[in-house]
Amino acid sequence: MFSPSELTVKGGTVVTFQWAGSGHSVVVGSICGTPGQRIANISSAPFSATFTTPTVTTNTDVPFFCEPHCGLGMKGVIHVTP
């Protein structure tokens, strides 16, 4: 699971994903749906990847998930504020 699975940040913030285990990825896009922006392919720990949140004018949610484990609940959301 992602920890935390929800995060609130200002637009333009760099978010770092760090692997505690192997066989995970990070994709920003519809939860368990069609992948959007791939942040990291399936990788082994230790590993980290960064994502810069979009600059927004209104509050926006950016969902993310682990492609092989989304159906098992490995997903989350970044709440982005102006």
N, C-alpha and C. Protein backbone atom coordinates (compact mmCIF):
# COMPACT_ATOMS: atom_id res chain seq x y z
N MET A 1 0.83 -1.19 0.00
CA MET A 1 0.00 0.00 0.00
C MET A 1 0.88 1.25 0.00
N PHE A 2 0.31 2.33 -0.51
CA PHE A 2 1.01 3.60 -0.45
C PHE A 2 0.79 4.20 0.94
N SER A 3 1.83 4.79 1.48
CA SER A 3 1.72 5.41 2.79
C SER A 3 2.41 6.76 2.74
N PRO A 4 1.66 7.85 2.81
CA PRO A 4 0.21 7.90 2.93
C PRO A 4 -0.45 7.66 1.57
N SER A 5 -1.71 7.27 1.61
CA SER A 5 -2.44 7.06 0.35
C SER A 5 -3.11 8.35 -0.12
N GLU A 6 -3.15 9.35 0.73
CA GLU A 6 -3.67 10.68 0.37
C GLU A 6 -2.70 11.73 0.86
N LEU A 7 -2.54 12.75 0.04
CA LEU A 7 -1.60 13.83 0.35
C LEU A 7 -2.17 15.11 -0.22
N THR A 8 -2.05 16.22 0.50
CA THR A 8 -2.48 17.52 0.00
C THR A 8 -1.26 18.42 -0.12
N VAL A 9 -1.03 18.95 -1.33
CA VAL A 9 0.13 19.81 -1.59
C VAL A 9 -0.27 20.94 -2.52
N LYS A 10 0.56 21.97 -2.58
CA LYS A 10 0.36 23.06 -3.53
C LYS A 10 0.84 22.63 -4.91
N GLY A 11 0.25 23.21 -5.94
CA GLY A 11 0.68 22.94 -7.30
C GLY A 11 2.16 23.23 -7.46
N GLY A 12 2.85 22.41 -8.25
CA GLY A 12 4.27 22.59 -8.47
C GLY A 12 5.15 21.90 -7.44
N THR A 13 4.55 21.17 -6.50
CA THR A 13 5.31 20.45 -5.48
C THR A 13 5.87 19.16 -6.06
N VAL A 14 7.12 18.85 -5.70
CA VAL A 14 7.73 17.59 -6.11
C VAL A 14 7.40 16.54 -5.05
N VAL A 15 6.76 15.46 -5.49
CA VAL A 15 6.39 14.34 -4.61
C VAL A 15 7.33 13.18 -4.94
N THR A 16 7.92 12.58 -3.91
CA THR A 16 8.82 11.45 -4.11
C THR A 16 8.16 10.17 -3.63
N PHE A 17 8.13 9.18 -4.51
CA PHE A 17 7.64 7.85 -4.17
C PHE A 17 8.87 6.99 -3.88
N GLN A 18 8.88 6.29 -2.73
CA GLN A 18 9.99 5.43 -2.35
C GLN A 18 9.49 4.01 -2.17
N TRP A 19 10.18 3.06 -2.79
CA TRP A 19 9.78 1.66 -2.72
C TRP A 19 10.29 1.04 -1.42
N ALA A 20 9.39 0.37 -0.69
CA ALA A 20 9.76 -0.41 0.48
C ALA A 20 9.83 -1.89 0.12
N GLY A 21 9.28 -2.25 -1.04
CA GLY A 21 9.28 -3.62 -1.52
C GLY A 21 9.49 -3.65 -3.02
N SER A 22 9.59 -4.82 -3.56
CA SER A 22 9.87 -4.97 -4.99
C SER A 22 8.60 -5.27 -5.78
N GLY A 23 8.69 -5.05 -7.10
CA GLY A 23 7.60 -5.40 -8.00
C GLY A 23 6.49 -4.38 -8.10
N HIS A 24 6.82 -3.10 -7.86
CA HIS A 24 5.80 -2.05 -7.88
C HIS A 24 6.09 -1.01 -8.95
N SER A 25 5.05 -0.26 -9.32
CA SER A 25 5.19 0.84 -10.27
C SER A 25 4.36 2.01 -9.75
N VAL A 26 4.48 3.15 -10.40
CA VAL A 26 3.61 4.30 -10.09
C VAL A 26 3.11 4.87 -11.41
N VAL A 27 1.79 4.97 -11.51
CA VAL A 27 1.15 5.54 -12.68
C VAL A 27 0.17 6.61 -12.20
N VAL A 28 0.21 7.78 -12.81
CA VAL A 28 -0.74 8.84 -12.51
C VAL A 28 -1.83 8.76 -13.56
N GLY A 29 -3.06 8.61 -13.13
CA GLY A 29 -4.17 8.52 -14.07
C GLY A 29 -5.39 7.97 -13.38
N SER A 30 -6.39 7.62 -14.14
CA SER A 30 -7.62 7.08 -13.57
C SER A 30 -7.31 5.88 -12.69
N ILE A 31 -7.91 5.82 -11.54
CA ILE A 31 -7.67 4.72 -10.62
C ILE A 31 -8.03 3.40 -11.28
N CYS A 32 -7.05 2.52 -11.40
CA CYS A 32 -7.21 1.19 -11.98
C CYS A 32 -7.79 1.25 -13.39
N GLY A 33 -7.66 2.39 -14.02
CA GLY A 33 -8.19 2.54 -15.37
C GLY A 33 -7.07 2.68 -16.37
N THR A 34 -7.36 3.35 -17.44
CA THR A 34 -6.36 3.56 -18.47
C THR A 34 -5.21 4.39 -17.90
N PRO A 35 -4.01 3.84 -17.94
CA PRO A 35 -2.88 4.58 -17.38
C PRO A 35 -2.69 5.93 -18.03
N GLY A 36 -2.26 6.86 -17.25
CA GLY A 36 -1.93 8.18 -17.75
C GLY A 36 -0.42 8.30 -17.84
N GLN A 37 0.17 9.14 -17.01
CA GLN A 37 1.60 9.37 -17.02
C GLN A 37 2.30 8.34 -16.14
N ARG A 38 3.17 7.54 -16.75
CA ARG A 38 3.94 6.54 -16.00
C ARG A 38 5.09 7.25 -15.29
N ILE A 39 5.09 7.20 -13.97
CA ILE A 39 6.14 7.83 -13.17
C ILE A 39 7.32 6.86 -13.05
N ALA A 40 7.03 5.58 -12.88
CA ALA A 40 8.09 4.58 -12.76
C ALA A 40 7.57 3.22 -13.19
N ASN A 41 8.38 2.50 -13.95
CA ASN A 41 8.05 1.13 -14.32
C ASN A 41 8.21 0.23 -13.10
N ILE A 42 7.82 -1.02 -13.24
CA ILE A 42 7.97 -1.98 -12.15
C ILE A 42 9.44 -2.04 -11.77
N SER A 43 9.71 -1.83 -10.49
CA SER A 43 11.08 -1.74 -9.99
C SER A 43 11.22 -2.46 -8.66
N SER A 44 12.45 -2.70 -8.29
CA SER A 44 12.77 -3.35 -7.03
C SER A 44 13.30 -2.33 -6.03
N ALA A 45 13.05 -2.59 -4.75
CA ALA A 45 13.57 -1.72 -3.69
C ALA A 45 15.06 -1.98 -3.51
N PRO A 46 15.85 -1.01 -3.11
CA PRO A 46 15.46 0.38 -2.89
C PRO A 46 15.39 1.15 -4.20
N PHE A 47 14.38 1.98 -4.32
CA PHE A 47 14.17 2.76 -5.54
C PHE A 47 13.29 3.93 -5.18
N SER A 48 13.44 5.04 -5.89
CA SER A 48 12.54 6.17 -5.71
C SER A 48 12.30 6.84 -7.05
N ALA A 49 11.19 7.52 -7.15
CA ALA A 49 10.82 8.26 -8.36
C ALA A 49 10.08 9.52 -7.94
N THR A 50 10.21 10.57 -8.72
CA THR A 50 9.57 11.84 -8.39
C THR A 50 8.52 12.22 -9.42
N PHE A 51 7.57 13.02 -8.95
CA PHE A 51 6.49 13.54 -9.78
C PHE A 51 6.24 14.97 -9.34
N THR A 52 6.19 15.91 -10.28
CA THR A 52 5.87 17.29 -9.97
C THR A 52 4.39 17.51 -10.23
N THR A 53 3.67 17.95 -9.20
CA THR A 53 2.24 18.16 -9.35
C THR A 53 1.98 19.34 -10.28
N PRO A 54 0.86 19.31 -10.99
CA PRO A 54 0.56 20.41 -11.91
C PRO A 54 0.25 21.70 -11.17
N THR A 55 0.52 22.80 -11.82
CA THR A 55 0.10 24.10 -11.30
C THR A 55 -1.38 24.24 -11.63
N VAL A 56 -2.20 24.58 -10.63
CA VAL A 56 -3.64 24.61 -10.83
C VAL A 56 -4.21 25.95 -10.36
N THR A 57 -5.41 26.28 -10.86
CA THR A 57 -6.10 27.48 -10.40
C THR A 57 -7.26 27.14 -9.48
N THR A 58 -7.68 25.86 -9.47
CA THR A 58 -8.70 25.37 -8.55
C THR A 58 -8.21 24.04 -7.99
N ASN A 59 -8.75 23.64 -6.86
CA ASN A 59 -8.36 22.37 -6.26
C ASN A 59 -8.57 21.24 -7.26
N THR A 60 -7.59 20.37 -7.38
CA THR A 60 -7.61 19.28 -8.35
C THR A 60 -7.09 18.01 -7.68
N ASP A 61 -7.73 16.89 -7.97
CA ASP A 61 -7.26 15.60 -7.47
C ASP A 61 -6.47 14.89 -8.55
N VAL A 62 -5.32 14.34 -8.17
CA VAL A 62 -4.46 13.59 -9.08
C VAL A 62 -4.37 12.16 -8.54
N PRO A 63 -5.12 11.23 -9.12
CA PRO A 63 -5.06 9.84 -8.65
C PRO A 63 -3.78 9.15 -9.13
N PHE A 64 -3.31 8.18 -8.36
CA PHE A 64 -2.14 7.39 -8.74
C PHE A 64 -2.34 5.96 -8.28
N PHE A 65 -1.62 5.03 -8.91
CA PHE A 65 -1.76 3.63 -8.54
C PHE A 65 -0.54 2.82 -8.96
N CYS A 66 -0.42 1.64 -8.38
CA CYS A 66 0.58 0.65 -8.78
C CYS A 66 -0.10 -0.25 -9.79
N GLU A 67 0.42 -0.29 -11.01
CA GLU A 67 -0.25 -1.02 -12.09
C GLU A 67 -0.53 -2.49 -11.76
N PRO A 68 0.46 -3.27 -11.28
CA PRO A 68 0.15 -4.69 -11.02
C PRO A 68 -0.70 -4.93 -9.77
N HIS A 69 -0.81 -3.95 -8.88
CA HIS A 69 -1.50 -4.17 -7.61
C HIS A 69 -2.70 -3.26 -7.36
N CYS A 70 -3.14 -2.53 -8.35
CA CYS A 70 -4.25 -1.60 -8.17
C CYS A 70 -5.52 -2.33 -7.72
N GLY A 71 -5.79 -3.48 -8.33
CA GLY A 71 -6.97 -4.25 -7.98
C GLY A 71 -6.95 -4.75 -6.54
N LEU A 72 -5.76 -4.74 -5.93
CA LEU A 72 -5.61 -5.15 -4.53
C LEU A 72 -5.65 -3.95 -3.59
N GLY A 73 -5.93 -2.77 -4.15
CA GLY A 73 -6.07 -1.57 -3.33
C GLY A 73 -4.85 -0.68 -3.25
N MET A 74 -3.83 -0.94 -4.06
CA MET A 74 -2.63 -0.11 -4.01
C MET A 74 -2.83 1.10 -4.91
N LYS A 75 -3.45 2.12 -4.32
CA LYS A 75 -3.79 3.34 -5.05
C LYS A 75 -3.89 4.48 -4.07
N GLY A 76 -3.95 5.69 -4.61
CA GLY A 76 -4.05 6.85 -3.74
C GLY A 76 -4.40 8.08 -4.56
N VAL A 77 -4.36 9.22 -3.88
CA VAL A 77 -4.70 10.49 -4.54
C VAL A 77 -3.88 11.61 -3.92
N ILE A 78 -3.42 12.50 -4.80
CA ILE A 78 -2.77 13.74 -4.36
C ILE A 78 -3.76 14.86 -4.58
N HIS A 79 -4.13 15.55 -3.51
CA HIS A 79 -5.03 16.71 -3.61
C HIS A 79 -4.12 17.92 -3.85
N VAL A 80 -4.29 18.57 -5.00
CA VAL A 80 -3.44 19.69 -5.38
C VAL A 80 -4.24 20.99 -5.23
N THR A 81 -3.63 21.96 -4.53
CA THR A 81 -4.27 23.25 -4.30
C THR A 81 -3.50 24.35 -5.02
N PRO A 82 -4.20 25.47 -5.31
CA PRO A 82 -3.49 26.60 -5.96
C PRO A 82 -2.42 27.21 -5.06
